[in-house]
Amino acid sequence: MAFDGMTLRDFLGHMAAKTPTPGGGAAASAVGALAAALAQMVVAYSIGKKALAAHEPSLQAAAESLTRARGLLLALADEDAAAY
């Protein structure tokens, strides 16, 4: 089951269904990916602000790390479902 192209509505429908997958691991991974996306939004708003110019390198690094984390977490959701 590939979750990365699924709508939130569809994912929730699958989660609510009386089926073994997706389960807790996929749910935890999806929530982690959502948290990473929210952190990316915060970083995106921070990049380029004059008051945060001294932190620009760290913000850029954080943006890249969060992009990777979001992708990894989505992949882990798929792996969890496949492992069942």
PDB file of N, CA and C in Angstrom:
ATOM      1  N   MET A   1       0.858  -1.182   0.000  1.00  0.00           N
ATOM      2  CA  MET A   1       0.000   0.000   0.000  1.00  0.00           C
ATOM      3  C   MET A   1       0.896   1.235   0.000  1.00  0.00           C
ATOM      4  N   ALA A   2       0.744   2.095  -0.962  1.00  0.00           N
ATOM      5  CA  ALA A   2       1.551   3.315  -1.051  1.00  0.00           C
ATOM      6  C   ALA A   2       0.763   4.480  -0.472  1.00  0.00           C
ATOM      7  N   PHE A   3       1.287   5.040   0.600  1.00  0.00           N
ATOM      8  CA  PHE A   3       0.582   6.123   1.278  1.00  0.00           C
ATOM      9  C   PHE A   3       0.953   7.499   0.749  1.00  0.00           C
ATOM     10  N   ASP A   4       2.121   7.630   0.103  1.00  0.00           N
ATOM     11  CA  ASP A   4       2.590   8.961  -0.275  1.00  0.00           C
ATOM     12  C   ASP A   4       1.723   9.653  -1.314  1.00  0.00           C
ATOM     13  N   GLY A   5       0.978   8.933  -2.123  1.00  0.00           N
ATOM     14  CA  GLY A   5       0.091   9.561  -3.099  1.00  0.00           C
ATOM     15  C   GLY A   5      -1.368   9.567  -2.683  1.00  0.00           C
ATOM     16  N   MET A   6      -1.636   9.088  -1.485  1.00  0.00           N
ATOM     17  CA  MET A   6      -3.006   8.953  -1.002  1.00  0.00           C
ATOM     18  C   MET A   6      -3.496  10.272  -0.396  1.00  0.00           C
ATOM     19  N   THR A   7      -4.761  10.588  -0.610  1.00  0.00           N
ATOM     20  CA  THR A   7      -5.319  11.770   0.050  1.00  0.00           C
ATOM     21  C   THR A   7      -5.460  11.482   1.540  1.00  0.00           C
ATOM     22  N   LEU A   8      -5.519  12.530   2.320  1.00  0.00           N
ATOM     23  CA  LEU A   8      -5.713  12.370   3.761  1.00  0.00           C
ATOM     24  C   LEU A   8      -7.026  11.653   4.035  1.00  0.00           C
ATOM     25  N   ARG A   9      -8.053  12.002   3.301  1.00  0.00           N
ATOM     26  CA  ARG A   9      -9.363  11.362   3.467  1.00  0.00           C
ATOM     27  C   ARG A   9      -9.257   9.854   3.230  1.00  0.00           C
ATOM     28  N   ASP A  10      -8.561   9.468   2.162  1.00  0.00           N
ATOM     29  CA  ASP A  10      -8.395   8.044   1.858  1.00  0.00           C
ATOM     30  C   ASP A  10      -7.566   7.337   2.927  1.00  0.00           C
ATOM     31  N   PHE A  11      -6.487   7.991   3.371  1.00  0.00           N
ATOM     32  CA  PHE A  11      -5.647   7.397   4.414  1.00  0.00           C
ATOM     33  C   PHE A  11      -6.466   7.154   5.681  1.00  0.00           C
ATOM     34  N   LEU A  12      -7.247   8.135   6.066  1.00  0.00           N
ATOM     35  CA  LEU A  12      -8.076   7.981   7.267  1.00  0.00           C
ATOM     36  C   LEU A  12      -9.115   6.883   7.081  1.00  0.00           C
ATOM     37  N   GLY A  13      -9.663   6.775   5.893  1.00  0.00           N
ATOM     38  CA  GLY A  13     -10.615   5.708   5.614  1.00  0.00           C
ATOM     39  C   GLY A  13      -9.973   4.339   5.744  1.00  0.00           C
ATOM     40  N   HIS A  14      -8.763   4.205   5.201  1.00  0.00           N
ATOM     41  CA  HIS A  14      -8.036   2.937   5.331  1.00  0.00           C
ATOM     42  C   HIS A  14      -7.697   2.665   6.796  1.00  0.00           C
ATOM     43  N   MET A  15      -7.319   3.703   7.523  1.00  0.00           N
ATOM     44  CA  MET A  15      -6.962   3.550   8.935  1.00  0.00           C
ATOM     45  C   MET A  15      -8.166   3.092   9.757  1.00  0.00           C
ATOM     46  N   ALA A  16      -9.336   3.562   9.408  1.00  0.00           N
ATOM     47  CA  ALA A  16     -10.545   3.238  10.172  1.00  0.00           C
ATOM     48  C   ALA A  16     -11.131   1.874   9.809  1.00  0.00           C
ATOM     49  N   ALA A  17     -10.694   1.323   8.683  1.00  0.00           N
ATOM     50  CA  ALA A  17     -11.271   0.062   8.202  1.00  0.00           C
ATOM     51  C   ALA A  17     -10.846  -1.122   9.068  1.00  0.00           C
ATOM     52  N   LYS A  18     -11.654  -2.146   9.027  1.00  0.00           N
ATOM     53  CA  LYS A  18     -11.356  -3.372   9.768  1.00  0.00           C
ATOM     54  C   LYS A  18     -10.390  -4.219   8.939  1.00  0.00           C
ATOM     55  N   THR A  19      -9.168  -3.712   8.818  1.00  0.00           N
ATOM     56  CA  THR A  19      -8.105  -4.384   8.080  1.00  0.00           C
ATOM     57  C   THR A  19      -6.823  -4.276   8.905  1.00  0.00           C
ATOM     58  N   PRO A  20      -5.897  -5.205   8.725  1.00  0.00           N
ATOM     59  CA  PRO A  20      -4.679  -5.164   9.528  1.00  0.00           C
ATOM     60  C   PRO A  20      -3.734  -4.010   9.175  1.00  0.00           C
ATOM     61  N   THR A  21      -3.822  -3.530   7.953  1.00  0.00           N
ATOM     62  CA  THR A  21      -2.978  -2.397   7.570  1.00  0.00           C
ATOM     63  C   THR A  21      -3.836  -1.330   6.908  1.00  0.00           C
ATOM     64  N   PRO A  22      -3.524  -0.084   7.077  1.00  0.00           N
ATOM     65  CA  PRO A  22      -2.422   0.436   7.872  1.00  0.00           C
ATOM     66  C   PRO A  22      -2.715   0.299   9.365  1.00  0.00           C
ATOM     67  N   GLY A  23      -1.651   0.199  10.122  1.00  0.00           N
ATOM     68  CA  GLY A  23      -1.786   0.053  11.565  1.00  0.00           C
ATOM     69  C   GLY A  23      -1.051   1.155  12.304  1.00  0.00           C
ATOM     70  N   GLY A  24      -0.656   0.828  13.517  1.00  0.00           N
ATOM     71  CA  GLY A  24      -0.019   1.820  14.379  1.00  0.00           C
ATOM     72  C   GLY A  24       1.285   2.366  13.846  1.00  0.00           C
ATOM     73  N   GLY A  25       2.092   1.507  13.225  1.00  0.00           N
ATOM     74  CA  GLY A  25       3.367   1.977  12.676  1.00  0.00           C
ATOM     75  C   GLY A  25       3.174   2.977  11.558  1.00  0.00           C
ATOM     76  N   ALA A  26       2.223   2.695  10.684  1.00  0.00           N
ATOM     77  CA  ALA A  26       1.936   3.624   9.587  1.00  0.00           C
ATOM     78  C   ALA A  26       1.367   4.927  10.127  1.00  0.00           C
ATOM     79  N   ALA A  27       0.514   4.821  11.141  1.00  0.00           N
ATOM     80  CA  ALA A  27      -0.060   6.029  11.738  1.00  0.00           C
ATOM     81  C   ALA A  27       1.031   6.879  12.382  1.00  0.00           C
ATOM     82  N   ALA A  28       1.935   6.232  13.124  1.00  0.00           N
ATOM     83  CA  ALA A  28       3.021   6.966  13.776  1.00  0.00           C
ATOM     84  C   ALA A  28       3.924   7.629  12.738  1.00  0.00           C
ATOM     85  N   SER A  29       4.214   6.922  11.663  1.00  0.00           N
ATOM     86  CA  SER A  29       5.047   7.490  10.603  1.00  0.00           C
ATOM     87  C   SER A  29       4.362   8.671   9.929  1.00  0.00           C
ATOM     88  N   ALA A  30       3.072   8.547   9.692  1.00  0.00           N
ATOM     89  CA  ALA A  30       2.322   9.635   9.059  1.00  0.00           C
ATOM     90  C   ALA A  30       2.295  10.870   9.954  1.00  0.00           C
ATOM     91  N   VAL A  31       2.119  10.664  11.249  1.00  0.00           N
ATOM     92  CA  VAL A  31       2.119  11.796  12.183  1.00  0.00           C
ATOM     93  C   VAL A  31       3.507  12.434  12.230  1.00  0.00           C
ATOM     94  N   GLY A  32       4.546  11.609  12.185  1.00  0.00           N
ATOM     95  CA  GLY A  32       5.906  12.143  12.146  1.00  0.00           C
ATOM     96  C   GLY A  32       6.153  12.967  10.892  1.00  0.00           C
ATOM     97  N   ALA A  33       5.661  12.479   9.751  1.00  0.00           N
ATOM     98  CA  ALA A  33       5.806  13.224   8.497  1.00  0.00           C
ATOM     99  C   ALA A  33       5.050  14.547   8.565  1.00  0.00           C
ATOM    100  N   LEU A  34       3.893  14.532   9.190  1.00  0.00           N
ATOM    101  CA  LEU A  34       3.117  15.758   9.357  1.00  0.00           C
ATOM    102  C   LEU A  34       3.865  16.748  10.252  1.00  0.00           C
ATOM    103  N   ALA A  35       4.476  16.249  11.316  1.00  0.00           N
ATOM    104  CA  ALA A  35       5.262  17.111  12.200  1.00  0.00           C
ATOM    105  C   ALA A  35       6.452  17.710  11.454  1.00  0.00           C
ATOM    106  N   ALA A  36       7.110  16.899  10.627  1.00  0.00           N
ATOM    107  CA  ALA A  36       8.235  17.407   9.839  1.00  0.00           C
ATOM    108  C   ALA A  36       7.772  18.489   8.869  1.00  0.00           C
ATOM    109  N   ALA A  37       6.614  18.287   8.266  1.00  0.00           N
ATOM    110  CA  ALA A  37       6.074  19.284   7.334  1.00  0.00           C
ATOM    111  C   ALA A  37       5.757  20.593   8.058  1.00  0.00           C
ATOM    112  N   LEU A  38       5.216  20.496   9.255  1.00  0.00           N
ATOM    113  CA  LEU A  38       4.916  21.701  10.029  1.00  0.00           C
ATOM    114  C   LEU A  38       6.206  22.429  10.401  1.00  0.00           C
ATOM    115  N   ALA A  39       7.212  21.672  10.795  1.00  0.00           N
ATOM    116  CA  ALA A  39       8.503  22.288  11.108  1.00  0.00           C
ATOM    117  C   ALA A  39       9.096  22.945   9.864  1.00  0.00           C
ATOM    118  N   GLN A  40       8.920  22.309   8.702  1.00  0.00           N
ATOM    119  CA  GLN A  40       9.391  22.909   7.448  1.00  0.00           C
ATOM    120  C   GLN A  40       8.719  24.252   7.198  1.00  0.00           C
ATOM    121  N   MET A  41       7.443  24.343   7.506  1.00  0.00           N
ATOM    122  CA  MET A  41       6.732  25.602   7.306  1.00  0.00           C
ATOM    123  C   MET A  41       7.333  26.691   8.198  1.00  0.00           C
ATOM    124  N   VAL A  42       7.613  26.348   9.454  1.00  0.00           N
ATOM    125  CA  VAL A  42       8.201  27.317  10.378  1.00  0.00           C
ATOM    126  C   VAL A  42       9.561  27.775   9.854  1.00  0.00           C
ATOM    127  N   VAL A  43      10.368  26.819   9.411  1.00  0.00           N
ATOM    128  CA  VAL A  43      11.689  27.155   8.878  1.00  0.00           C
ATOM    129  C   VAL A  43      11.560  28.022   7.626  1.00  0.00           C
ATOM    130  N   ALA A  44      10.621  27.683   6.760  1.00  0.00           N
ATOM    131  CA  ALA A  44      10.430  28.460   5.527  1.00  0.00           C
ATOM    132  C   ALA A  44      10.077  29.913   5.831  1.00  0.00           C
ATOM    133  N   TYR A  45       9.265  30.130   6.865  1.00  0.00           N
ATOM    134  CA  TYR A  45       8.928  31.500   7.251  1.00  0.00           C
ATOM    135  C   TYR A  45      10.121  32.215   7.883  1.00  0.00           C
ATOM    136  N   SER A  46      11.045  31.456   8.460  1.00  0.00           N
ATOM    137  CA  SER A  46      12.200  32.047   9.136  1.00  0.00           C
ATOM    138  C   SER A  46      13.328  32.392   8.172  1.00  0.00           C
ATOM    139  N   ILE A  47      13.470  31.600   7.104  1.00  0.00           N
ATOM    140  CA  ILE A  47      14.539  31.842   6.129  1.00  0.00           C
ATOM    141  C   ILE A  47      14.304  33.189   5.438  1.00  0.00           C
ATOM    142  N   GLY A  48      15.374  33.975   5.382  1.00  0.00           N
ATOM    143  CA  GLY A  48      15.304  35.266   4.703  1.00  0.00           C
ATOM    144  C   GLY A  48      14.927  36.435   5.596  1.00  0.00           C
ATOM    145  N   LYS A  49      14.587  36.167   6.853  1.00  0.00           N
ATOM    146  CA  LYS A  49      14.260  37.274   7.762  1.00  0.00           C
ATOM    147  C   LYS A  49      15.547  37.930   8.245  1.00  0.00           C
ATOM    148  N   LYS A  50      15.571  39.256   8.199  1.00  0.00           N
ATOM    149  CA  LYS A  50      16.759  40.001   8.613  1.00  0.00           C
ATOM    150  C   LYS A  50      17.136  39.692  10.054  1.00  0.00           C
ATOM    151  N   ALA A  51      16.151  39.589  10.924  1.00  0.00           N
ATOM    152  CA  ALA A  51      16.417  39.348  12.341  1.00  0.00           C
ATOM    153  C   ALA A  51      17.045  37.975  12.589  1.00  0.00           C
ATOM    154  N   LEU A  52      16.901  37.069  11.642  1.00  0.00           N
ATOM    155  CA  LEU A  52      17.434  35.712  11.801  1.00  0.00           C
ATOM    156  C   LEU A  52      18.599  35.429  10.857  1.00  0.00           C
ATOM    157  N   ALA A  53      19.179  36.479  10.287  1.00  0.00           N
ATOM    158  CA  ALA A  53      20.245  36.313   9.293  1.00  0.00           C
ATOM    159  C   ALA A  53      21.420  35.503   9.832  1.00  0.00           C
ATOM    160  N   ALA A  54      21.739  35.662  11.095  1.00  0.00           N
ATOM    161  CA  ALA A  54      22.859  34.922  11.686  1.00  0.00           C
ATOM    162  C   ALA A  54      22.592  33.419  11.717  1.00  0.00           C
ATOM    163  N   HIS A  55      21.340  33.042  11.666  1.00  0.00           N
ATOM    164  CA  HIS A  55      20.946  31.631  11.740  1.00  0.00           C
ATOM    165  C   HIS A  55      20.642  31.018  10.369  1.00  0.00           C
ATOM    166  N   GLU A  56      20.843  31.786   9.318  1.00  0.00           N
ATOM    167  CA  GLU A  56      20.494  31.327   7.966  1.00  0.00           C
ATOM    168  C   GLU A  56      21.117  29.975   7.600  1.00  0.00           C
ATOM    169  N   PRO A  57      22.414  29.759   7.861  1.00  0.00           N
ATOM    170  CA  PRO A  57      22.985  28.446   7.519  1.00  0.00           C
ATOM    171  C   PRO A  57      22.297  27.295   8.263  1.00  0.00           C
ATOM    172  N   SER A  58      22.005  27.501   9.520  1.00  0.00           N
ATOM    173  CA  SER A  58      21.320  26.463  10.301  1.00  0.00           C
ATOM    174  C   SER A  58      19.904  26.243   9.800  1.00  0.00           C
ATOM    175  N   LEU A  59      19.241  27.309   9.419  1.00  0.00           N
ATOM    176  CA  LEU A  59      17.878  27.184   8.900  1.00  0.00           C
ATOM    177  C   LEU A  59      17.872  26.432   7.572  1.00  0.00           C
ATOM    178  N   GLN A  60      18.832  26.731   6.710  1.00  0.00           N
ATOM    179  CA  GLN A  60      18.921  26.021   5.425  1.00  0.00           C
ATOM    180  C   GLN A  60      19.188  24.533   5.651  1.00  0.00           C
ATOM    181  N   ALA A  61      20.078  24.233   6.591  1.00  0.00           N
ATOM    182  CA  ALA A  61      20.382  22.834   6.905  1.00  0.00           C
ATOM    183  C   ALA A  61      19.155  22.136   7.480  1.00  0.00           C
ATOM    184  N   ALA A  62      18.427  22.840   8.329  1.00  0.00           N
ATOM    185  CA  ALA A  62      17.212  22.268   8.911  1.00  0.00           C
ATOM    186  C   ALA A  62      16.176  21.982   7.834  1.00  0.00           C
ATOM    187  N   ALA A  63      16.041  22.889   6.881  1.00  0.00           N
ATOM    188  CA  ALA A  63      15.074  22.690   5.794  1.00  0.00           C
ATOM    189  C   ALA A  63      15.408  21.423   5.009  1.00  0.00           C
ATOM    190  N   GLU A  64      16.682  21.219   4.720  1.00  0.00           N
ATOM    191  CA  GLU A  64      17.099  20.024   3.982  1.00  0.00           C
ATOM    192  C   GLU A  64      16.870  18.756   4.804  1.00  0.00           C
ATOM    193  N   SER A  65      17.206  18.805   6.082  1.00  0.00           N
ATOM    194  CA  SER A  65      17.006  17.643   6.959  1.00  0.00           C
ATOM    195  C   SER A  65      15.535  17.292   7.092  1.00  0.00           C
ATOM    196  N   LEU A  66      14.706  18.292   7.209  1.00  0.00           N
ATOM    197  CA  LEU A  66      13.268  18.050   7.354  1.00  0.00           C
ATOM    198  C   LEU A  66      12.664  17.477   6.077  1.00  0.00           C
ATOM    199  N   THR A  67      13.164  17.908   4.937  1.00  0.00           N
ATOM    200  CA  THR A  67      12.696  17.333   3.671  1.00  0.00           C
ATOM    201  C   THR A  67      13.024  15.848   3.619  1.00  0.00           C
ATOM    202  N   ARG A  68      14.254  15.503   3.997  1.00  0.00           N
ATOM    203  CA  ARG A  68      14.649  14.088   4.015  1.00  0.00           C
ATOM    204  C   ARG A  68      13.830  13.303   5.036  1.00  0.00           C
ATOM    205  N   ALA A  69      13.628  13.871   6.217  1.00  0.00           N
ATOM    206  CA  ALA A  69      12.871  13.187   7.268  1.00  0.00           C
ATOM    207  C   ALA A  69      11.439  12.920   6.831  1.00  0.00           C
ATOM    208  N   ARG A  70      10.836  13.888   6.189  1.00  0.00           N
ATOM    209  CA  ARG A  70       9.451  13.719   5.731  1.00  0.00           C
ATOM    210  C   ARG A  70       9.355  12.567   4.733  1.00  0.00           C
ATOM    211  N   GLY A  71      10.287  12.508   3.801  1.00  0.00           N
ATOM    212  CA  GLY A  71      10.301  11.421   2.829  1.00  0.00           C
ATOM    213  C   GLY A  71      10.553  10.070   3.479  1.00  0.00           C
ATOM    214  N   LEU A  72      11.488  10.031   4.412  1.00  0.00           N
ATOM    215  CA  LEU A  72      11.795   8.788   5.114  1.00  0.00           C
ATOM    216  C   LEU A  72      10.592   8.292   5.906  1.00  0.00           C
ATOM    217  N   LEU A  73       9.931   9.190   6.588  1.00  0.00           N
ATOM    218  CA  LEU A  73       8.774   8.794   7.396  1.00  0.00           C
ATOM    219  C   LEU A  73       7.644   8.255   6.528  1.00  0.00           C
ATOM    220  N   LEU A  74       7.421   8.856   5.383  1.00  0.00           N
ATOM    221  CA  LEU A  74       6.403   8.318   4.471  1.00  0.00           C
ATOM    222  C   LEU A  74       6.798   6.932   3.974  1.00  0.00           C
ATOM    223  N   ALA A  75       8.076   6.749   3.679  1.00  0.00           N
ATOM    224  CA  ALA A  75       8.550   5.434   3.236  1.00  0.00           C
ATOM    225  C   ALA A  75       8.388   4.401   4.344  1.00  0.00           C
ATOM    226  N   LEU A  76       8.621   4.805   5.579  1.00  0.00           N
ATOM    227  CA  LEU A  76       8.465   3.884   6.704  1.00  0.00           C
ATOM    228  C   LEU A  76       7.010   3.463   6.890  1.00  0.00           C
ATOM    229  N   ALA A  77       6.089   4.341   6.585  1.00  0.00           N
ATOM    230  CA  ALA A  77       4.669   3.971   6.657  1.00  0.00           C
ATOM    231  C   ALA A  77       4.380   2.847   5.674  1.00  0.00           C
ATOM    232  N   ASP A  78       4.910   2.962   4.468  1.00  0.00           N
ATOM    233  CA  ASP A  78       4.738   1.905   3.465  1.00  0.00           C
ATOM    234  C   ASP A  78       5.416   0.611   3.908  1.00  0.00           C
ATOM    235  N   GLU A  79       6.623   0.728   4.459  1.00  0.00           N
ATOM    236  CA  GLU A  79       7.349  -0.459   4.912  1.00  0.00           C
ATOM    237  C   GLU A  79       6.610  -1.163   6.043  1.00  0.00           C
ATOM    238  N   ASP A  80       6.013  -0.385   6.933  1.00  0.00           N
ATOM    239  CA  ASP A  80       5.264  -0.989   8.035  1.00  0.00           C
ATOM    240  C   ASP A  80       4.099  -1.810   7.500  1.00  0.00           C
ATOM    241  N   ALA A  81       3.385  -1.262   6.544  1.00  0.00           N
ATOM    242  CA  ALA A  81       2.246  -1.988   5.970  1.00  0.00           C
ATOM    243  C   ALA A  81       2.721  -3.236   5.229  1.00  0.00           C
ATOM    244  N   ALA A  82       3.846  -3.128   4.526  1.00  0.00           N
ATOM    245  CA  ALA A  82       4.360  -4.269   3.767  1.00  0.00           C
ATOM    246  C   ALA A  82       4.887  -5.373   4.685  1.00  0.00           C
ATOM    247  N   ALA A  83       5.331  -5.007   5.876  1.00  0.00           N
ATOM    248  CA  ALA A  83       5.911  -5.982   6.802  1.00  0.00           C
ATOM    249  C   ALA A  83       4.865  -6.854   7.476  1.00  0.00           C
ATOM    250  N   TYR A  84       3.612  -6.439   7.417  1.00  0.00           N
ATOM    251  CA  TYR A  84       2.572  -7.186   8.137  1.00  0.00           C
ATOM    252  C   TYR A  84       2.352  -8.534   7.540  1.00  0.00           C
TER     253      TYR A  84
END
